[in-house]
Amino acid sequence: MTVLAPLLALALMVAPPPASDAPPLQMPSSGPVTAGSLETSELLTARFRIVHTARAKGAAAYLARDLEAVRDDIAALLGRDWPGITEIRLGFGREEYEALALPEGHPPSWAIALAYPGRNIVLVEAHSLVTGEGPLTLRHELVHVALGQFGSVWPHWFQEGLAQELTGERKWHVQQVATLTRAVTQDRVFFFDDLVAHFPQFPDDVEIAYAQSAAFVEFLRDRHGSAAFQRLIDRVSNGDSFEKAFGVAFYLPLSMEEDAFRKELPRRYPWWPLLLSGGTLVWIGTSALVVLAWVRRRRTVNALRAEQLRVETLHEAAKAMLGMTAENDDLSWDPMPFEGPWVVNVVQFVEVDEEVKAARARGT
């Protein structure tokens, strides 16, 4: 599983809508992994039918306790409940989970849940419900189902963005901030026209698509409030296209809101938070130490060269004062047996001829 897998496991994959003339599938059903069908039982609540295997019986009872309250919360956020009885399919373990999938929506290997919005069905791996993220995952799934019951023209970015906004799963999430900061800095923010049918294939691009979808829906909610989303759902439920319904609900075309969002991104996600991320901070610290060591080394070398130049200058001056005679030329000196900050007086004795000696004796 990649680093992105935990993020994508919470962001529900949406199966393609079934053909309009497709007959309803009856349980038990078999997915493409197992050869035969599974024995299942049902547990009913007011607005749900929980279809589960024998091993998932405990998870079904656990789920049934709070399922109606979760639906009430989502309905309140959307301003309405969605119609029909929602079917929740529970299989314990990967094999049962994949066997309960509909043929047109085989679960990806990393996904722990899959929604069939047009069918009003949610598929869940039972063990995931007792994890810390289980309730959050379920709410995300049900938002997809709700949208599917209100219409079939929702862009993929809107489905994922609204699900994340209503569940609060990524609000103020450090990873989302870091992802969008990198996307803005590297000019990798997608146009929403490219995210209508599906998200990109590469993990880094998928992460950006999820993050910017959530950020855009949050941006719209901050500017227009929840009532605009309720108007949007009304128009789509009445048969309008998404773009037309968006313009009526938000009083501006989608393209103008997207332009305003893109202009706002550099202010909302400046580059400096990247410096606070662990790996980047370590890299910067290491680089600073290398530069500091180089500067200190350079200063030491420059000081040694300056001292060498000073000694050579004094040496040349001393040679000039001595007249560069053969007797005083330093080329005739023996090398000094030591180095150091000492002052050395060197006296060189030379032979004096007889006439000079006689003149000195006479005092002349």
Protein backbone atom coordinates (compact mmCIF):
# COMPACT_ATOMS: atom_id res chain seq x y z
CA MET A 1 0.00 0.00 0.00
CA THR A 2 1.39 3.38 -0.93
CA VAL A 3 1.68 6.40 1.32
CA LEU A 4 -1.43 7.74 -0.39
CA ALA A 5 -3.53 4.67 0.40
CA PRO A 6 -4.85 5.76 3.84
CA LEU A 7 -6.03 9.03 2.32
CA LEU A 8 -7.73 7.35 -0.60
CA ALA A 9 -9.31 4.70 1.63
CA LEU A 10 -11.29 7.46 3.32
CA ALA A 11 -12.15 9.25 0.08
CA LEU A 12 -14.82 6.97 -1.31
CA MET A 13 -14.57 5.57 -4.80
CA VAL A 14 -17.80 5.99 -6.72
CA ALA A 15 -18.90 3.19 -9.03
CA PRO A 16 -20.21 4.15 -12.48
CA PRO A 17 -23.98 4.46 -12.70
CA PRO A 18 -25.79 1.38 -14.06
CA ALA A 19 -27.47 1.40 -17.42
CA SER A 20 -31.03 2.68 -17.31
CA ASP A 21 -32.42 -0.70 -18.46
CA ALA A 22 -30.28 -2.79 -16.12
CA PRO A 23 -32.41 -5.09 -13.94
CA PRO A 24 -31.97 -4.77 -10.18
CA LEU A 25 -29.51 -7.26 -8.72
CA GLN A 26 -30.69 -9.56 -5.94
CA MET A 27 -28.69 -10.67 -2.95
CA PRO A 28 -26.69 -12.68 -2.46
CA SER A 29 -24.50 -11.44 -5.29
CA SER A 30 -21.05 -12.48 -6.32
CA GLY A 31 -18.29 -10.18 -7.45
CA PRO A 32 -15.59 -11.08 -9.95
CA VAL A 33 -13.21 -12.50 -7.33
CA THR A 34 -15.10 -15.47 -5.89
CA ALA A 35 -16.66 -18.28 -7.91
CA GLY A 36 -19.95 -18.60 -6.00
CA SER A 37 -22.40 -16.51 -4.02
CA LEU A 38 -22.24 -15.92 -0.28
CA GLU A 39 -24.78 -16.80 2.36
CA THR A 40 -26.13 -13.54 3.77
CA SER A 41 -28.66 -12.26 6.30
CA GLU A 42 -30.47 -8.94 6.65
CA LEU A 43 -30.88 -6.48 9.49
CA LEU A 44 -33.48 -3.75 8.96
CA THR A 45 -33.80 -0.23 10.34
CA ALA A 46 -36.25 2.52 9.35
CA ARG A 47 -34.29 3.64 6.28
CA PHE A 48 -31.58 0.99 5.88
CA ARG A 49 -31.22 -2.65 4.95
CA ILE A 50 -27.95 -4.11 6.22
CA VAL A 51 -26.97 -7.20 4.23
CA HIS A 52 -24.15 -9.08 5.95
CA THR A 53 -22.29 -12.36 6.00
CA ALA A 54 -22.21 -14.60 9.08
CA ARG A 55 -18.77 -13.31 10.06
CA ALA A 56 -19.97 -9.70 9.78
CA LYS A 57 -23.02 -10.20 12.01
CA GLY A 58 -21.47 -8.37 14.97
CA ALA A 59 -20.41 -5.44 12.78
CA ALA A 60 -23.97 -5.23 11.39
CA ALA A 61 -25.46 -4.98 14.88
CA TYR A 62 -22.88 -2.35 15.81
CA LEU A 63 -23.64 -0.35 12.67
CA ALA A 64 -27.40 -0.50 13.13
CA ARG A 65 -27.24 1.37 16.46
CA ASP A 66 -26.13 4.72 15.02
CA LEU A 67 -26.94 4.49 11.33
CA GLU A 68 -30.22 6.41 11.48
CA ALA A 69 -28.64 9.25 13.47
CA VAL A 70 -25.82 9.52 10.94
CA ARG A 71 -28.35 9.83 8.14
CA ASP A 72 -30.22 12.53 10.05
CA ASP A 73 -27.01 14.55 10.42
CA ILE A 74 -26.24 14.37 6.70
CA ALA A 75 -29.82 15.21 5.78
CA ALA A 76 -29.65 18.28 8.01
CA LEU A 77 -26.46 19.44 6.30
CA LEU A 78 -27.97 18.92 2.84
CA GLY A 79 -31.28 20.45 3.81
CA ARG A 80 -33.23 17.29 2.94
CA ASP A 81 -33.22 13.52 3.29
CA TRP A 82 -32.68 11.35 0.24
CA PRO A 83 -35.42 8.96 -0.88
CA GLY A 84 -35.55 5.21 -0.61
CA ILE A 85 -34.07 2.48 1.55
CA THR A 86 -30.27 2.47 1.47
CA GLU A 87 -28.62 -0.93 1.38
CA ILE A 88 -25.38 -1.44 3.31
CA ARG A 89 -23.41 -4.55 2.35
CA LEU A 90 -20.99 -5.85 4.96
CA GLY A 91 -18.36 -8.51 4.31
CA PHE A 92 -15.67 -9.48 6.81
CA GLY A 93 -12.24 -9.62 5.24
CA ARG A 94 -11.13 -8.83 1.74
CA GLU A 95 -12.55 -11.93 0.07
CA GLU A 96 -16.08 -11.45 1.41
CA TYR A 97 -15.93 -7.71 0.81
CA GLU A 98 -15.04 -8.11 -2.87
CA ALA A 99 -17.53 -10.94 -3.34
CA LEU A 100 -20.38 -8.63 -2.30
CA ALA A 101 -19.48 -5.97 -4.88
CA LEU A 102 -21.67 -5.37 -7.89
CA PRO A 103 -20.15 -6.57 -11.18
CA GLU A 104 -19.87 -3.04 -12.58
CA GLY A 105 -17.93 -1.69 -9.61
CA HIS A 106 -15.06 -3.96 -8.52
CA PRO A 107 -13.39 -2.38 -5.47
CA PRO A 108 -9.82 -1.13 -5.92
CA SER A 109 -7.25 -3.02 -3.88
CA TRP A 110 -6.70 -0.12 -1.48
CA ALA A 111 -10.36 0.87 -0.95
CA ILE A 112 -12.28 -0.19 2.17
CA ALA A 113 -15.62 1.15 0.91
CA LEU A 114 -17.41 1.64 -2.38
CA ALA A 115 -20.64 3.51 -3.16
CA TYR A 116 -23.12 2.80 -5.93
CA PRO A 117 -25.06 6.11 -5.83
CA GLY A 118 -27.51 5.20 -8.59
CA ARG A 119 -28.32 1.91 -6.81
CA ASN A 120 -28.57 3.43 -3.32
CA ILE A 121 -26.03 0.81 -2.16
CA VAL A 122 -22.90 1.09 -0.04
CA LEU A 123 -20.29 -1.66 0.25
CA VAL A 124 -18.14 -1.70 3.39
CA GLU A 125 -15.42 -3.99 4.72
CA ALA A 126 -16.82 -4.84 8.17
CA HIS A 127 -13.58 -4.68 10.14
CA SER A 128 -13.02 -1.05 9.08
CA LEU A 129 -16.07 0.04 11.09
CA VAL A 130 -14.30 -0.55 14.41
CA THR A 131 -11.24 1.47 13.45
CA GLY A 132 -10.79 5.11 14.40
CA GLU A 133 -11.73 6.29 10.91
CA GLY A 134 -14.73 3.98 10.51
CA PRO A 135 -17.52 6.50 11.34
CA LEU A 136 -15.88 9.09 9.10
CA THR A 137 -15.69 6.64 6.23
CA LEU A 138 -19.35 5.74 6.57
CA ARG A 139 -20.47 9.39 6.53
CA HIS A 140 -18.40 9.99 3.40
CA GLU A 141 -20.06 7.01 1.70
CA LEU A 142 -23.54 8.15 2.57
CA VAL A 143 -22.96 11.64 1.14
CA HIS A 144 -22.15 10.00 -2.20
CA VAL A 145 -25.31 7.92 -2.02
CA ALA A 146 -27.39 10.98 -1.14
CA LEU A 147 -26.08 12.93 -4.14
CA GLY A 148 -26.77 9.94 -6.36
CA GLN A 149 -30.40 9.96 -5.29
CA PHE A 150 -30.73 13.69 -6.01
CA GLY A 151 -29.37 13.50 -9.55
CA SER A 152 -26.83 11.88 -11.84
CA VAL A 153 -24.98 14.89 -13.29
CA TRP A 154 -22.64 15.67 -10.41
CA PRO A 155 -19.02 16.29 -11.45
CA HIS A 156 -16.54 14.03 -9.72
CA TRP A 157 -14.74 16.96 -8.11
CA PHE A 158 -18.02 18.21 -6.60
CA GLN A 159 -18.94 14.80 -5.20
CA GLU A 160 -15.57 14.37 -3.51
CA GLY A 161 -15.30 18.00 -2.41
CA LEU A 162 -18.77 18.08 -0.86
CA ALA A 163 -18.27 14.72 0.87
CA GLN A 164 -15.06 15.95 2.46
CA GLU A 165 -16.63 19.27 3.46
CA LEU A 166 -19.70 17.70 5.07
CA THR A 167 -17.70 15.06 6.96
CA GLY A 168 -14.98 17.50 7.98
CA GLU A 169 -12.41 14.80 7.36
CA ARG A 170 -9.80 17.09 5.83
CA LYS A 171 -10.66 20.51 7.22
CA TRP A 172 -7.49 22.08 8.61
CA HIS A 173 -5.68 18.87 7.74
CA VAL A 174 -1.91 19.44 7.67
CA GLN A 175 -1.51 17.11 4.72
CA GLN A 176 -4.10 19.03 2.69
CA VAL A 177 -2.38 22.33 3.41
CA ALA A 178 1.00 20.91 2.42
CA THR A 179 -0.44 19.33 -0.74
CA LEU A 180 -2.09 22.54 -1.92
CA THR A 181 0.95 24.61 -1.01
CA ARG A 182 3.14 22.42 -3.23
CA ALA A 183 0.53 22.46 -6.01
CA VAL A 184 0.33 26.26 -5.95
CA THR A 185 4.10 26.71 -5.73
CA GLN A 186 4.72 24.28 -8.61
CA ASP A 187 1.73 25.53 -10.68
CA ARG A 188 0.09 22.08 -10.62
CA VAL A 189 -3.48 23.09 -9.72
CA PHE A 190 -5.96 21.38 -12.05
CA PHE A 191 -8.79 23.04 -13.93
CA PHE A 192 -12.08 21.59 -12.76
CA ASP A 193 -13.09 20.82 -16.36
CA ASP A 194 -10.40 18.11 -16.19
CA LEU A 195 -11.90 16.61 -13.01
CA VAL A 196 -15.50 16.20 -14.15
CA ALA A 197 -15.54 12.50 -15.11
CA HIS A 198 -12.72 11.15 -12.95
CA PHE A 199 -9.52 12.03 -11.15
CA PRO A 200 -5.98 11.56 -12.57
CA GLN A 201 -4.19 8.23 -12.37
CA PHE A 202 -0.90 9.16 -10.70
CA PRO A 203 -0.97 9.18 -6.87
CA ASP A 204 0.51 12.68 -6.50
CA ASP A 205 -2.04 14.10 -8.94
CA VAL A 206 -4.88 12.26 -7.21
CA GLU A 207 -3.88 13.79 -3.89
CA ILE A 208 -3.89 17.28 -5.42
CA ALA A 209 -7.29 16.66 -7.03
CA TYR A 210 -8.85 15.59 -3.72
CA ALA A 211 -7.30 18.50 -1.83
CA GLN A 212 -8.31 21.19 -4.30
CA SER A 213 -11.85 19.79 -4.61
CA ALA A 214 -12.30 20.02 -0.84
CA ALA A 215 -10.75 23.49 -0.78
CA PHE A 216 -13.02 24.76 -3.59
CA VAL A 217 -16.21 23.53 -1.91
CA GLU A 218 -15.05 25.13 1.34
CA PHE A 219 -14.35 28.34 -0.59
CA LEU A 220 -17.87 28.31 -2.06
CA ARG A 221 -19.46 27.63 1.31
CA ASP A 222 -17.55 30.51 2.92
CA ARG A 223 -18.71 32.91 0.19
CA HIS A 224 -22.30 31.80 -0.29
CA GLY A 225 -23.33 29.73 2.73
CA SER A 226 -25.06 26.36 2.88
CA ALA A 227 -28.26 27.70 1.32
CA ALA A 228 -26.53 27.94 -2.08
CA PHE A 229 -25.79 24.22 -2.01
CA GLN A 230 -29.40 23.47 -1.15
CA ARG A 231 -30.53 25.58 -4.13
CA LEU A 232 -28.06 23.69 -6.30
CA ILE A 233 -29.49 20.33 -5.21
CA ASP A 234 -33.00 21.61 -5.87
CA ARG A 235 -32.17 22.62 -9.44
CA VAL A 236 -30.32 19.38 -10.24
CA SER A 237 -33.16 17.32 -8.74
CA ASN A 238 -35.54 19.19 -11.07
CA GLY A 239 -33.51 18.20 -14.11
CA ASP A 240 -31.13 21.12 -14.70
CA SER A 241 -27.57 20.50 -15.83
CA PHE A 242 -24.92 21.08 -13.21
CA GLU A 243 -23.54 24.23 -14.86
CA LYS A 244 -27.00 25.79 -15.21
CA ALA A 245 -27.99 24.84 -11.67
CA PHE A 246 -24.68 26.21 -10.35
CA GLY A 247 -25.24 29.59 -11.99
CA VAL A 248 -28.75 29.87 -10.55
CA ALA A 249 -27.72 28.70 -7.07
CA PHE A 250 -24.56 30.80 -6.70
CA TYR A 251 -25.62 33.75 -8.90
CA LEU A 252 -22.35 33.46 -10.84
CA PRO A 253 -21.07 31.08 -13.52
CA LEU A 254 -18.85 28.24 -12.39
CA SER A 255 -15.97 29.64 -14.47
CA MET A 256 -16.01 32.97 -12.60
CA GLU A 257 -16.03 31.24 -9.20
CA GLU A 258 -13.15 29.04 -10.31
CA ASP A 259 -11.15 32.10 -11.43
CA ALA A 260 -11.75 33.77 -8.05
CA PHE A 261 -10.68 30.56 -6.28
CA ARG A 262 -7.45 30.24 -8.27
CA LYS A 263 -6.54 33.88 -7.57
CA GLU A 264 -7.14 33.29 -3.87
CA LEU A 265 -4.97 30.18 -3.65
CA PRO A 266 -1.54 31.91 -3.31
CA ARG A 267 -2.84 33.90 -0.33
CA ARG A 268 -4.50 30.91 1.33
CA TYR A 269 -1.59 28.56 0.69
CA PRO A 270 1.70 30.53 0.68
CA TRP A 271 5.02 28.79 0.16
CA TRP A 272 6.48 29.32 3.64
CA PRO A 273 4.58 26.44 5.41
CA LEU A 274 6.72 24.07 3.34
CA LEU A 275 9.64 25.16 5.50
CA LEU A 276 7.85 23.74 8.55
CA SER A 277 7.43 20.27 7.12
CA GLY A 278 9.82 17.76 8.67
CA GLY A 279 11.75 16.58 5.63
CA THR A 280 12.15 20.04 4.15
CA LEU A 281 13.29 21.50 7.46
CA VAL A 282 15.94 18.79 7.88
CA TRP A 283 17.13 19.35 4.33
CA ILE A 284 17.40 23.11 4.86
CA GLY A 285 19.22 22.63 8.18
CA THR A 286 21.71 20.23 6.62
CA SER A 287 22.30 22.59 3.71
CA ALA A 288 22.87 25.50 6.10
CA LEU A 289 25.48 23.51 8.03
CA VAL A 290 27.29 22.65 4.79
CA VAL A 291 27.32 26.30 3.72
CA LEU A 292 28.52 27.41 7.16
CA ALA A 293 31.36 24.87 7.09
CA TRP A 294 32.37 26.07 3.63
CA VAL A 295 32.39 29.72 4.77
CA ARG A 296 34.54 28.92 7.79
CA ARG A 297 36.94 26.90 5.66
CA ARG A 298 37.14 29.74 3.15
CA ARG A 299 37.92 32.27 5.87
CA THR A 300 40.68 30.06 7.25
CA VAL A 301 42.27 29.62 3.82
CA ASN A 302 42.08 33.37 3.14
CA ALA A 303 43.72 34.13 6.51
CA LEU A 304 46.58 31.72 5.79
CA ARG A 305 47.10 33.25 2.37
CA ALA A 306 47.14 36.77 3.83
CA GLU A 307 49.75 35.74 6.40
CA GLN A 308 51.84 34.11 3.69
CA LEU A 309 51.66 37.30 1.60
CA ARG A 310 52.67 39.42 4.62
CA VAL A 311 55.73 37.24 5.31
CA GLU A 312 56.75 37.28 1.67
CA THR A 313 56.37 41.09 1.54
CA LEU A 314 58.58 41.53 4.62
CA HIS A 315 61.11 39.16 3.15
CA GLU A 316 61.29 41.10 -0.09
CA ALA A 317 61.61 44.39 1.82
CA ALA A 318 64.49 42.99 3.88
CA LYS A 319 66.27 41.87 0.73
CA ALA A 320 65.90 45.35 -0.76
CA MET A 321 67.34 47.01 2.36
CA LEU A 322 70.40 44.73 2.24
CA GLY A 323 71.13 45.79 -1.32
CA MET A 324 70.57 42.39 -2.86
CA THR A 325 74.37 41.66 -2.43
CA ALA A 326 75.51 38.19 -3.04
CA GLU A 327 76.55 37.90 0.57
CA ASN A 328 73.09 38.93 1.81
CA ASP A 329 70.93 37.26 -0.83
CA ASP A 330 68.60 34.86 0.90
CA LEU A 331 69.30 32.31 -1.79
CA SER A 332 72.68 31.73 -0.15
CA TRP A 333 71.17 31.24 3.30
CA ASP A 334 70.61 27.90 4.80
CA PRO A 335 66.94 27.14 5.45
CA MET A 336 65.77 28.17 8.89
CA PRO A 337 65.25 25.14 11.09
CA PHE A 338 62.00 26.51 12.56
CA GLU A 339 59.00 28.66 11.88
CA GLY A 340 57.19 31.04 14.13
CA PRO A 341 56.56 34.63 15.09
CA TRP A 342 60.15 35.36 15.99
CA VAL A 343 62.36 38.32 14.99
CA VAL A 344 65.71 37.04 13.78
CA ASN A 345 68.76 39.25 13.28
CA VAL A 346 71.09 37.71 10.82
CA VAL A 347 74.72 38.91 10.63
CA GLN A 348 76.83 37.79 7.70
CA PHE A 349 80.64 38.15 8.08
CA VAL A 350 82.72 38.84 4.93
CA GLU A 351 86.44 38.95 4.25
CA VAL A 352 88.05 42.45 4.22
CA ASP A 353 91.12 43.00 2.00
CA GLU A 354 94.55 44.14 3.38
CA GLU A 355 94.30 47.77 2.16
CA VAL A 356 91.11 48.30 4.09
CA LYS A 357 92.72 46.84 7.21
CA ALA A 358 95.77 49.23 6.91
CA ALA A 359 93.50 52.26 6.44
CA ARG A 360 91.52 51.38 9.53
CA ALA A 361 94.75 50.97 11.53
CA ARG A 362 95.95 54.46 10.55
CA GLY A 363 92.55 55.87 11.51
CA THR A 364 91.82 57.12 8.06
